[in-house]
Amino acid sequence: MYGWIWRHLPGNTLVRAIISLLLVLGVVYVLFQYVFPWAEPLLPFNDVTVNNGGGQG
């Protein structure tokens, strides 16, 4: 997949590297701004099963 993307980018190696970096930064931005906030309520990370105080004292 990455080879296919690399072959289809225009320019020489330096231009391709810069475009690749911009693509990666764009994907990270979209993940942090849209995907992760949307998925957060669906994930079970806030379901805590630890009791307060416990049984032995």
C-alpha atoms as a PDB file:
ATOM      1  CA  MET A   1       0.000   0.000   0.000  1.00  0.00           C
ATOM      2  CA  TYR A   2       2.746   2.490   0.924  1.00  0.00           C
ATOM      3  CA  GLY A   3       4.659   1.618  -2.226  1.00  0.00           C
ATOM      4  CA  TRP A   4       1.563   2.305  -4.306  1.00  0.00           C
ATOM      5  CA  ILE A   5       1.130   5.707  -2.652  1.00  0.00           C
ATOM      6  CA  TRP A   6       4.842   6.518  -3.110  1.00  0.00           C
ATOM      7  CA  ARG A   7       4.759   5.613  -6.796  1.00  0.00           C
ATOM      8  CA  HIS A   8       1.714   7.803  -7.439  1.00  0.00           C
ATOM      9  CA  LEU A   9       3.065  10.933  -5.770  1.00  0.00           C
ATOM     10  CA  PRO A  10       4.456  13.547  -8.174  1.00  0.00           C
ATOM     11  CA  GLY A  11       8.000  14.923  -8.128  1.00  0.00           C
ATOM     12  CA  ASN A  12      11.413  13.692  -7.128  1.00  0.00           C
ATOM     13  CA  THR A  13      12.346  12.024  -3.844  1.00  0.00           C
ATOM     14  CA  LEU A  14      12.473  15.252  -1.824  1.00  0.00           C
ATOM     15  CA  VAL A  15       9.065  16.415  -3.070  1.00  0.00           C
ATOM     16  CA  ARG A  16       7.578  12.989  -2.427  1.00  0.00           C
ATOM     17  CA  ALA A  17       8.984  12.975   1.111  1.00  0.00           C
ATOM     18  CA  ILE A  18       7.472  16.396   1.830  1.00  0.00           C
ATOM     19  CA  ILE A  19       4.098  15.384   0.393  1.00  0.00           C
ATOM     20  CA  SER A  20       4.210  12.145   2.398  1.00  0.00           C
ATOM     21  CA  LEU A  21       4.933  14.091   5.577  1.00  0.00           C
ATOM     22  CA  LEU A  22       2.010  16.422   4.862  1.00  0.00           C
ATOM     23  CA  LEU A  23      -0.266  13.437   4.224  1.00  0.00           C
ATOM     24  CA  VAL A  24       0.739  11.828   7.526  1.00  0.00           C
ATOM     25  CA  LEU A  25       0.202  15.093   9.406  1.00  0.00           C
ATOM     26  CA  GLY A  26      -3.195  15.455   7.749  1.00  0.00           C
ATOM     27  CA  VAL A  27      -4.246  11.967   8.786  1.00  0.00           C
ATOM     28  CA  VAL A  28      -3.092  12.568  12.371  1.00  0.00           C
ATOM     29  CA  TYR A  29      -5.003  15.871  12.457  1.00  0.00           C
ATOM     30  CA  VAL A  30      -8.214  14.232  11.215  1.00  0.00           C
ATOM     31  CA  LEU A  31      -7.848  11.427  13.759  1.00  0.00           C
ATOM     32  CA  PHE A  32      -7.352  13.768  16.712  1.00  0.00           C
ATOM     33  CA  GLN A  33      -9.998  16.316  15.681  1.00  0.00           C
ATOM     34  CA  TYR A  34     -12.799  14.074  14.436  1.00  0.00           C
ATOM     35  CA  VAL A  35     -12.323  10.322  14.838  1.00  0.00           C
ATOM     36  CA  PHE A  36     -11.042  10.070  18.423  1.00  0.00           C
ATOM     37  CA  PRO A  37     -13.637  12.477  19.913  1.00  0.00           C
ATOM     38  CA  TRP A  38     -16.383  10.600  18.087  1.00  0.00           C
ATOM     39  CA  ALA A  39     -15.138   7.203  19.302  1.00  0.00           C
ATOM     40  CA  GLU A  40     -14.407   8.197  22.913  1.00  0.00           C
ATOM     41  CA  PRO A  41     -17.967   7.667  24.259  1.00  0.00           C
ATOM     42  CA  LEU A  42     -18.060   4.260  22.589  1.00  0.00           C
ATOM     43  CA  LEU A  43     -14.921   2.975  24.360  1.00  0.00           C
ATOM     44  CA  PRO A  44     -15.104   1.332  27.816  1.00  0.00           C
ATOM     45  CA  PHE A  45     -12.160   3.213  29.393  1.00  0.00           C
ATOM     46  CA  ASN A  46     -14.339   5.027  31.946  1.00  0.00           C
ATOM     47  CA  ASP A  47     -16.009   1.851  33.236  1.00  0.00           C
ATOM     48  CA  VAL A  48     -14.148   1.452  36.540  1.00  0.00           C
ATOM     49  CA  THR A  49     -14.845  -1.628  38.660  1.00  0.00           C
ATOM     50  CA  VAL A  50     -12.771  -0.729  41.741  1.00  0.00           C
ATOM     51  CA  ASN A  51     -14.706  -0.323  45.022  1.00  0.00           C
ATOM     52  CA  ASN A  52     -14.191   2.679  47.304  1.00  0.00           C
ATOM     53  CA  GLY A  53     -12.788   1.613  50.689  1.00  0.00           C
ATOM     54  CA  GLY A  54     -13.032  -2.104  50.073  1.00  0.00           C
ATOM     55  CA  GLY A  55     -13.843  -4.890  52.492  1.00  0.00           C
ATOM     56  CA  GLN A  56     -10.929  -5.091  54.942  1.00  0.00           C
ATOM     57  CA  GLY A  57     -10.167  -2.258  57.319  1.00  0.00           C
END
